[in-house]
């Protein structure tokens, strides 16, 4: 029973972090919010170090979309697909 509760809590945390990594561009502190959420996914081995680095670079740039930069660097293809970024 405890395992089920732990799984539900973990799923809830992942859902919350997913919302945060998708914080709209331009909102105050949104770059830092996206970076913090990206760190969550990196620690779960769901994001590469190279992809996380782009989020770090963009952390202070609330209006900068990290996804085109990730694409241009040729890293994080799985992450881009997960984010629905196919431009």
Protein backbone atom coordinates (compact mmCIF):
# COMPACT_ATOMS: atom_id res chain seq x y z
CA UNK A 1 0.00 0.00 0.00
CA UNK A 2 2.87 2.36 0.77
CA UNK A 3 4.39 1.62 -2.63
CA UNK A 4 1.18 2.75 -4.35
CA UNK A 5 1.13 5.98 -2.31
CA UNK A 6 4.78 6.62 -3.19
CA UNK A 7 4.03 6.06 -6.89
CA UNK A 8 1.09 8.47 -6.79
CA UNK A 9 3.23 11.08 -5.03
CA UNK A 10 6.01 10.62 -7.58
CA UNK A 11 3.55 10.91 -10.47
CA UNK A 12 2.11 14.07 -8.92
CA UNK A 13 5.57 15.59 -8.59
CA UNK A 14 6.40 14.73 -12.21
CA UNK A 15 3.14 16.33 -13.38
CA UNK A 16 3.89 19.48 -11.39
CA UNK A 17 7.42 19.68 -12.80
CA UNK A 18 6.06 19.15 -16.32
CA UNK A 19 3.81 22.18 -15.85
CA UNK A 20 6.77 24.20 -14.57
CA UNK A 21 9.10 23.25 -17.44
CA UNK A 22 6.33 24.54 -19.72
CA UNK A 23 6.01 27.89 -17.94
CA UNK A 24 5.11 30.51 -20.57
CA UNK A 25 7.91 32.63 -21.95
CA UNK A 26 8.20 36.18 -20.72
CA UNK A 27 6.74 35.69 -17.25
CA UNK A 28 8.93 37.04 -14.47
CA UNK A 29 11.33 34.32 -13.23
CA UNK A 30 10.04 31.90 -15.87
CA UNK A 31 13.54 31.07 -17.13
CA UNK A 32 14.65 30.07 -13.65
CA UNK A 33 11.44 28.12 -13.15
CA UNK A 34 11.99 26.17 -16.37
CA UNK A 35 15.62 25.48 -15.40
CA UNK A 36 14.66 24.18 -11.95
CA UNK A 37 12.07 21.87 -13.52
CA UNK A 38 14.59 20.76 -16.15
CA UNK A 39 16.96 19.79 -13.32
CA UNK A 40 14.21 17.51 -11.97
CA UNK A 41 13.99 15.69 -15.31
CA UNK A 42 17.78 15.57 -15.65
CA UNK A 43 18.10 13.93 -12.22
CA UNK A 44 15.58 11.30 -13.34
CA UNK A 45 17.72 10.61 -16.45
CA UNK A 46 14.97 11.95 -18.69
CA UNK A 47 17.14 14.76 -20.09
CA UNK A 48 20.76 14.92 -21.23
CA UNK A 49 23.38 17.15 -19.64
CA UNK A 50 23.68 19.08 -22.91
CA UNK A 51 19.95 19.83 -22.89
CA UNK A 52 20.06 20.89 -19.24
CA UNK A 53 22.93 23.25 -20.08
CA UNK A 54 20.70 25.10 -22.54
CA UNK A 55 18.08 25.56 -19.83
CA UNK A 56 20.84 26.86 -17.53
CA UNK A 57 21.98 29.38 -20.13
CA UNK A 58 18.38 30.54 -20.64
CA UNK A 59 17.60 30.68 -16.91
CA UNK A 60 18.11 34.44 -16.65
CA UNK A 61 16.42 35.13 -19.98
CA UNK A 62 12.71 34.86 -19.24
CA UNK A 63 11.72 35.48 -22.86
CA UNK A 64 14.21 33.07 -24.44
CA UNK A 65 12.81 29.76 -25.66
CA UNK A 66 15.39 27.03 -24.99
CA UNK A 67 13.84 24.58 -27.46
CA UNK A 68 15.14 26.16 -30.70
CA UNK A 69 18.60 26.41 -29.13
CA UNK A 70 18.48 22.74 -28.16
CA UNK A 71 17.50 21.91 -31.74
CA UNK A 72 20.20 24.14 -33.24
CA UNK A 73 22.86 22.49 -31.07
CA UNK A 74 21.74 19.07 -32.27
CA UNK A 75 21.17 17.76 -28.75
CA UNK A 76 18.13 16.54 -26.86
CA UNK A 77 16.19 15.07 -29.76
CA UNK A 78 14.19 12.86 -27.41
CA UNK A 79 13.44 15.86 -25.20
CA UNK A 80 12.31 17.95 -28.17
CA UNK A 81 10.00 15.16 -29.26
CA UNK A 82 8.59 14.87 -25.77
CA UNK A 83 8.00 18.62 -25.71
CA UNK A 84 6.22 18.45 -29.07
CA UNK A 85 8.81 20.73 -30.66
CA UNK A 86 9.15 19.69 -34.27
CA UNK A 87 9.89 22.97 -35.97
